[in-house]
Amino acid sequence: MRLNEITYSNAAPVDGYGPGFFRIGGELHQGAVVTGPTGTKPWDGYEDSAPLLGLTGHIDVLFFGTGKDLVHIPAQLRSSLEEAGIGVEIMNSPAACRTYNVLLSEGRRIALALIPV
C-alpha cells in the first residue's frame, strides 16, 4: 500500500478531540471553537453568530459539530448563514471533524464550528 502525505493549504486540520477540547493544527483548544481559513478562535456557541458570519466570502460551507449527539441548530442562525451565502451541514462533532479534514485536504472552501464531546 502506498501512503501519501496530505498537505493542508487553506487551514489547519483537526488532529484530535476529547472531553472539552480539540487539537487543531497541533494546538490545544479548550471549549467550543470555530476553525477555517481565517484561523481558529474560541466560540461562545449558537448565540455567537459574529465569527460565523465573518466567514462570509471565505467559505462555501460551514460544518457544525454539535457535540456527542446530533442536534439541530437554532433556525434563526441557520437562516442568517444561508442568507449570507454560507451552506450549513450539521453532524455530531466526531463526524464533523472527519468530514472537515477530508474536504480540507481536497482544497474545499470550508470551515468548522465545534461543540466539544
N, C-alpha and C. Protein backbone atom coordinates (compact mmCIF):
# COMPACT_ATOMS: atom_id res chain seq x y z
N MET A 1 0.84 -1.17 0.00
CA MET A 1 0.00 0.00 0.00
C MET A 1 0.89 1.23 0.00
N ARG A 2 0.53 2.19 -0.80
CA ARG A 2 1.28 3.44 -0.86
C ARG A 2 0.54 4.50 -0.06
N LEU A 3 1.26 5.19 0.81
CA LEU A 3 0.68 6.26 1.61
C LEU A 3 1.22 7.59 1.13
N ASN A 4 0.35 8.55 0.99
CA ASN A 4 0.75 9.89 0.56
C ASN A 4 0.54 10.86 1.71
N GLU A 5 1.47 11.76 1.88
CA GLU A 5 1.32 12.79 2.88
C GLU A 5 0.32 13.82 2.38
N ILE A 6 -0.57 14.24 3.27
CA ILE A 6 -1.60 15.22 2.91
C ILE A 6 -1.10 16.61 3.27
N THR A 7 -1.26 17.54 2.35
CA THR A 7 -0.90 18.93 2.59
C THR A 7 -2.18 19.74 2.71
N TYR A 8 -2.29 20.50 3.79
CA TYR A 8 -3.45 21.36 4.00
C TYR A 8 -3.01 22.78 3.73
N SER A 9 -3.54 23.40 2.69
CA SER A 9 -3.09 24.74 2.33
C SER A 9 -4.04 25.84 2.80
N ASN A 10 -5.30 25.52 3.00
CA ASN A 10 -6.29 26.56 3.33
C ASN A 10 -6.42 26.83 4.82
N ALA A 11 -6.26 25.79 5.64
CA ALA A 11 -6.46 25.91 7.08
C ALA A 11 -5.82 24.71 7.76
N ALA A 12 -5.85 24.69 9.09
CA ALA A 12 -5.27 23.59 9.86
C ALA A 12 -6.30 22.48 10.06
N PRO A 13 -5.87 21.23 10.00
CA PRO A 13 -6.78 20.11 10.23
C PRO A 13 -7.03 19.88 11.73
N VAL A 14 -8.07 19.14 12.01
CA VAL A 14 -8.35 18.71 13.39
C VAL A 14 -7.51 17.45 13.62
N ASP A 15 -6.59 17.54 14.58
CA ASP A 15 -5.69 16.43 14.89
C ASP A 15 -6.29 15.47 15.91
N GLY A 16 -7.20 15.96 16.75
CA GLY A 16 -7.80 15.12 17.78
C GLY A 16 -8.82 15.91 18.58
N TYR A 17 -9.54 15.17 19.42
CA TYR A 17 -10.54 15.80 20.29
C TYR A 17 -10.79 14.88 21.46
N GLY A 18 -11.39 15.43 22.50
CA GLY A 18 -11.73 14.66 23.68
C GLY A 18 -12.69 15.46 24.53
N PRO A 19 -12.94 15.02 25.74
CA PRO A 19 -13.89 15.72 26.60
C PRO A 19 -13.46 17.17 26.84
N GLY A 20 -14.15 18.10 26.21
CA GLY A 20 -13.92 19.52 26.44
C GLY A 20 -12.82 20.17 25.62
N PHE A 21 -12.18 19.43 24.69
CA PHE A 21 -11.08 20.06 23.95
C PHE A 21 -11.01 19.55 22.51
N PHE A 22 -10.27 20.34 21.71
CA PHE A 22 -9.93 19.96 20.34
C PHE A 22 -8.45 20.27 20.12
N ARG A 23 -7.75 19.45 19.34
CA ARG A 23 -6.39 19.74 18.93
C ARG A 23 -6.45 20.04 17.44
N ILE A 24 -6.13 21.28 17.08
CA ILE A 24 -6.24 21.75 15.69
C ILE A 24 -4.90 22.30 15.27
N GLY A 25 -4.35 21.74 14.20
CA GLY A 25 -3.04 22.17 13.73
C GLY A 25 -1.97 22.05 14.78
N GLY A 26 -2.08 21.05 15.66
CA GLY A 26 -1.09 20.83 16.70
C GLY A 26 -1.28 21.66 17.96
N GLU A 27 -2.27 22.53 17.99
CA GLU A 27 -2.52 23.38 19.16
C GLU A 27 -3.78 22.92 19.88
N LEU A 28 -3.73 22.93 21.19
CA LEU A 28 -4.85 22.52 22.03
C LEU A 28 -5.79 23.71 22.26
N HIS A 29 -7.09 23.47 22.06
CA HIS A 29 -8.12 24.49 22.27
C HIS A 29 -9.18 23.92 23.19
N GLN A 30 -9.44 24.61 24.29
CA GLN A 30 -10.46 24.20 25.25
C GLN A 30 -11.81 24.79 24.85
N GLY A 31 -12.87 24.02 24.99
CA GLY A 31 -14.21 24.52 24.74
C GLY A 31 -14.54 24.57 23.26
N ALA A 32 -15.63 25.27 22.96
CA ALA A 32 -16.13 25.38 21.59
C ALA A 32 -15.21 26.29 20.76
N VAL A 33 -15.05 25.94 19.48
CA VAL A 33 -14.18 26.71 18.59
C VAL A 33 -14.78 26.81 17.19
N VAL A 34 -14.29 27.79 16.45
CA VAL A 34 -14.54 27.91 15.02
C VAL A 34 -13.18 27.87 14.35
N THR A 35 -13.03 27.04 13.33
CA THR A 35 -11.76 26.95 12.62
C THR A 35 -12.01 26.93 11.12
N GLY A 36 -11.07 27.49 10.40
CA GLY A 36 -11.19 27.55 8.94
C GLY A 36 -10.08 28.41 8.37
N PRO A 37 -10.34 29.01 7.21
CA PRO A 37 -9.29 29.76 6.52
C PRO A 37 -8.84 31.03 7.24
N THR A 38 -9.63 31.51 8.19
CA THR A 38 -9.25 32.72 8.93
C THR A 38 -8.61 32.39 10.28
N GLY A 39 -8.34 31.10 10.53
CA GLY A 39 -7.71 30.67 11.78
C GLY A 39 -8.70 29.99 12.71
N THR A 40 -8.22 29.70 13.91
CA THR A 40 -9.04 29.04 14.93
C THR A 40 -9.27 30.00 16.07
N LYS A 41 -10.54 30.14 16.46
CA LYS A 41 -10.91 31.09 17.51
C LYS A 41 -11.89 30.44 18.47
N PRO A 42 -11.90 30.89 19.73
CA PRO A 42 -12.94 30.43 20.66
C PRO A 42 -14.30 30.85 20.13
N TRP A 43 -15.30 30.09 20.48
CA TRP A 43 -16.67 30.37 20.04
C TRP A 43 -17.60 30.20 21.22
N ASP A 44 -18.54 31.13 21.39
CA ASP A 44 -19.45 31.10 22.53
C ASP A 44 -20.74 30.34 22.25
N GLY A 45 -20.77 29.56 21.19
CA GLY A 45 -21.95 28.74 20.92
C GLY A 45 -22.93 29.39 19.96
N TYR A 46 -24.09 28.80 19.87
CA TYR A 46 -25.08 29.17 18.85
C TYR A 46 -25.54 30.63 18.91
N GLU A 47 -25.46 31.26 20.05
CA GLU A 47 -25.86 32.66 20.16
C GLU A 47 -24.79 33.60 19.63
N ASP A 48 -23.59 33.10 19.39
CA ASP A 48 -22.44 33.88 18.94
C ASP A 48 -22.27 33.71 17.43
N SER A 49 -23.06 34.47 16.67
CA SER A 49 -23.04 34.31 15.21
C SER A 49 -21.97 35.16 14.51
N ALA A 50 -21.41 36.14 15.19
CA ALA A 50 -20.45 37.06 14.55
C ALA A 50 -19.25 36.34 13.93
N PRO A 51 -18.58 35.43 14.64
CA PRO A 51 -17.43 34.77 13.99
C PRO A 51 -17.85 33.88 12.82
N LEU A 52 -19.06 33.39 12.85
CA LEU A 52 -19.55 32.55 11.75
C LEU A 52 -19.87 33.40 10.53
N LEU A 53 -20.56 34.49 10.75
CA LEU A 53 -20.90 35.40 9.64
C LEU A 53 -19.64 36.09 9.10
N GLY A 54 -18.61 36.19 9.93
CA GLY A 54 -17.34 36.76 9.49
C GLY A 54 -16.64 35.91 8.44
N LEU A 55 -17.11 34.68 8.26
CA LEU A 55 -16.54 33.79 7.25
C LEU A 55 -17.15 34.00 5.87
N THR A 56 -18.14 34.88 5.77
CA THR A 56 -18.78 35.17 4.50
C THR A 56 -17.74 35.60 3.47
N GLY A 57 -17.78 34.98 2.30
CA GLY A 57 -16.83 35.28 1.24
C GLY A 57 -15.58 34.42 1.28
N HIS A 58 -15.32 33.81 2.44
CA HIS A 58 -14.13 32.95 2.59
C HIS A 58 -14.46 31.47 2.39
N ILE A 59 -15.74 31.11 2.64
CA ILE A 59 -16.12 29.69 2.60
C ILE A 59 -17.43 29.52 1.83
N ASP A 60 -17.65 28.28 1.42
CA ASP A 60 -18.93 27.92 0.80
C ASP A 60 -19.82 27.16 1.77
N VAL A 61 -19.20 26.36 2.65
CA VAL A 61 -19.97 25.52 3.58
C VAL A 61 -19.35 25.59 4.96
N LEU A 62 -20.24 25.67 5.97
CA LEU A 62 -19.84 25.63 7.37
C LEU A 62 -20.39 24.34 7.97
N PHE A 63 -19.49 23.51 8.51
CA PHE A 63 -19.90 22.29 9.19
C PHE A 63 -20.07 22.60 10.67
N PHE A 64 -21.16 22.13 11.25
CA PHE A 64 -21.39 22.25 12.68
C PHE A 64 -21.20 20.88 13.31
N GLY A 65 -20.31 20.80 14.29
CA GLY A 65 -20.18 19.62 15.13
C GLY A 65 -20.91 19.92 16.42
N THR A 66 -22.01 19.21 16.65
CA THR A 66 -22.92 19.55 17.75
C THR A 66 -22.66 18.77 19.03
N GLY A 67 -21.41 18.32 19.22
CA GLY A 67 -21.08 17.57 20.42
C GLY A 67 -21.18 16.08 20.18
N LYS A 68 -21.44 15.34 21.23
CA LYS A 68 -21.52 13.88 21.14
C LYS A 68 -22.68 13.43 20.24
N ASP A 69 -23.80 14.13 20.34
CA ASP A 69 -25.01 13.76 19.61
C ASP A 69 -25.37 14.80 18.57
N LEU A 70 -26.04 14.38 17.56
CA LEU A 70 -26.55 15.29 16.53
C LEU A 70 -27.75 16.04 17.08
N VAL A 71 -27.71 17.36 17.05
CA VAL A 71 -28.85 18.20 17.45
C VAL A 71 -29.01 19.31 16.41
N HIS A 72 -30.20 19.83 16.31
CA HIS A 72 -30.46 20.91 15.37
C HIS A 72 -29.92 22.23 15.92
N ILE A 73 -29.43 23.07 15.02
CA ILE A 73 -29.00 24.40 15.42
C ILE A 73 -30.23 25.31 15.37
N PRO A 74 -30.20 26.46 16.05
CA PRO A 74 -31.34 27.36 16.00
C PRO A 74 -31.67 27.78 14.56
N ALA A 75 -32.96 27.81 14.25
CA ALA A 75 -33.42 28.13 12.90
C ALA A 75 -32.95 29.51 12.46
N GLN A 76 -32.94 30.48 13.37
CA GLN A 76 -32.52 31.84 13.03
C GLN A 76 -31.04 31.87 12.62
N LEU A 77 -30.21 31.11 13.30
CA LEU A 77 -28.79 31.05 12.96
C LEU A 77 -28.61 30.44 11.58
N ARG A 78 -29.29 29.35 11.32
CA ARG A 78 -29.20 28.70 10.01
C ARG A 78 -29.65 29.66 8.91
N SER A 79 -30.75 30.36 9.12
CA SER A 79 -31.26 31.32 8.13
C SER A 79 -30.27 32.44 7.87
N SER A 80 -29.68 32.96 8.94
CA SER A 80 -28.70 34.06 8.79
C SER A 80 -27.50 33.62 7.96
N LEU A 81 -27.02 32.43 8.21
CA LEU A 81 -25.87 31.91 7.45
C LEU A 81 -26.23 31.66 6.00
N GLU A 82 -27.38 31.06 5.76
CA GLU A 82 -27.79 30.77 4.39
C GLU A 82 -28.05 32.06 3.61
N GLU A 83 -28.62 33.08 4.26
CA GLU A 83 -28.84 34.38 3.60
C GLU A 83 -27.51 35.03 3.24
N ALA A 84 -26.46 34.74 4.02
CA ALA A 84 -25.13 35.29 3.75
C ALA A 84 -24.39 34.48 2.68
N GLY A 85 -25.02 33.42 2.18
CA GLY A 85 -24.40 32.61 1.14
C GLY A 85 -23.54 31.47 1.66
N ILE A 86 -23.71 31.12 2.93
CA ILE A 86 -22.94 30.03 3.53
C ILE A 86 -23.85 28.81 3.68
N GLY A 87 -23.45 27.70 3.06
CA GLY A 87 -24.18 26.45 3.24
C GLY A 87 -23.92 25.90 4.63
N VAL A 88 -24.89 25.17 5.17
CA VAL A 88 -24.80 24.64 6.53
C VAL A 88 -24.98 23.13 6.51
N GLU A 89 -24.06 22.43 7.16
CA GLU A 89 -24.15 20.97 7.33
C GLU A 89 -23.99 20.68 8.81
N ILE A 90 -24.90 19.88 9.36
CA ILE A 90 -24.91 19.60 10.79
C ILE A 90 -24.67 18.11 11.02
N MET A 91 -23.77 17.80 11.96
CA MET A 91 -23.50 16.41 12.35
C MET A 91 -22.89 16.41 13.74
N ASN A 92 -22.70 15.24 14.32
CA ASN A 92 -22.04 15.25 15.63
C ASN A 92 -20.57 15.65 15.43
N SER A 93 -19.92 16.03 16.51
CA SER A 93 -18.56 16.57 16.39
C SER A 93 -17.54 15.59 15.82
N PRO A 94 -17.55 14.31 16.21
CA PRO A 94 -16.58 13.39 15.59
C PRO A 94 -16.74 13.30 14.07
N ALA A 95 -17.97 13.18 13.60
CA ALA A 95 -18.21 13.10 12.15
C ALA A 95 -17.84 14.41 11.46
N ALA A 96 -18.13 15.53 12.11
CA ALA A 96 -17.80 16.83 11.52
C ALA A 96 -16.29 16.99 11.38
N CYS A 97 -15.53 16.55 12.38
CA CYS A 97 -14.07 16.64 12.31
C CYS A 97 -13.52 15.80 11.15
N ARG A 98 -14.01 14.58 11.01
CA ARG A 98 -13.54 13.71 9.93
C ARG A 98 -13.88 14.29 8.56
N THR A 99 -15.12 14.74 8.41
CA THR A 99 -15.57 15.29 7.13
C THR A 99 -14.79 16.54 6.78
N TYR A 100 -14.59 17.41 7.75
CA TYR A 100 -13.82 18.64 7.56
C TYR A 100 -12.41 18.33 7.06
N ASN A 101 -11.74 17.38 7.71
CA ASN A 101 -10.37 17.05 7.32
C ASN A 101 -10.29 16.52 5.90
N VAL A 102 -11.23 15.67 5.52
CA VAL A 102 -11.22 15.11 4.16
C VAL A 102 -11.43 16.22 3.13
N LEU A 103 -12.44 17.05 3.34
CA LEU A 103 -12.73 18.12 2.38
C LEU A 103 -11.65 19.19 2.38
N LEU A 104 -11.05 19.45 3.53
CA LEU A 104 -9.95 20.40 3.61
C LEU A 104 -8.76 19.91 2.79
N SER A 105 -8.50 18.61 2.83
CA SER A 105 -7.39 18.05 2.06
C SER A 105 -7.63 18.16 0.56
N GLU A 106 -8.88 18.30 0.17
CA GLU A 106 -9.24 18.48 -1.24
C GLU A 106 -9.22 19.95 -1.66
N GLY A 107 -8.91 20.83 -0.73
CA GLY A 107 -8.83 22.25 -1.04
C GLY A 107 -10.18 22.96 -1.07
N ARG A 108 -11.19 22.37 -0.46
CA ARG A 108 -12.52 22.99 -0.45
C ARG A 108 -12.56 24.22 0.44
N ARG A 109 -13.49 25.11 0.14
CA ARG A 109 -13.69 26.35 0.91
C ARG A 109 -14.68 26.06 2.04
N ILE A 110 -14.15 25.59 3.17
CA ILE A 110 -14.99 25.16 4.27
C ILE A 110 -14.47 25.70 5.60
N ALA A 111 -15.34 25.63 6.59
CA ALA A 111 -14.98 25.96 7.97
C ALA A 111 -15.75 25.02 8.89
N LEU A 112 -15.42 25.08 10.17
CA LEU A 112 -15.97 24.13 11.13
C LEU A 112 -16.26 24.86 12.44
N ALA A 113 -17.48 24.72 12.94
CA ALA A 113 -17.87 25.23 14.25
C ALA A 113 -18.11 24.01 15.14
N LEU A 114 -17.40 23.93 16.26
CA LEU A 114 -17.41 22.72 17.06
C LEU A 114 -17.83 22.95 18.51
N ILE A 115 -18.73 22.09 18.97
CA ILE A 115 -19.07 21.98 20.38
C ILE A 115 -18.35 20.72 20.88
N PRO A 116 -17.66 20.77 22.02
CA PRO A 116 -16.92 19.59 22.48
C PRO A 116 -17.83 18.41 22.81
N VAL A 117 -17.22 17.23 22.74
CA VAL A 117 -17.93 15.99 23.13
C VAL A 117 -17.91 15.87 24.63
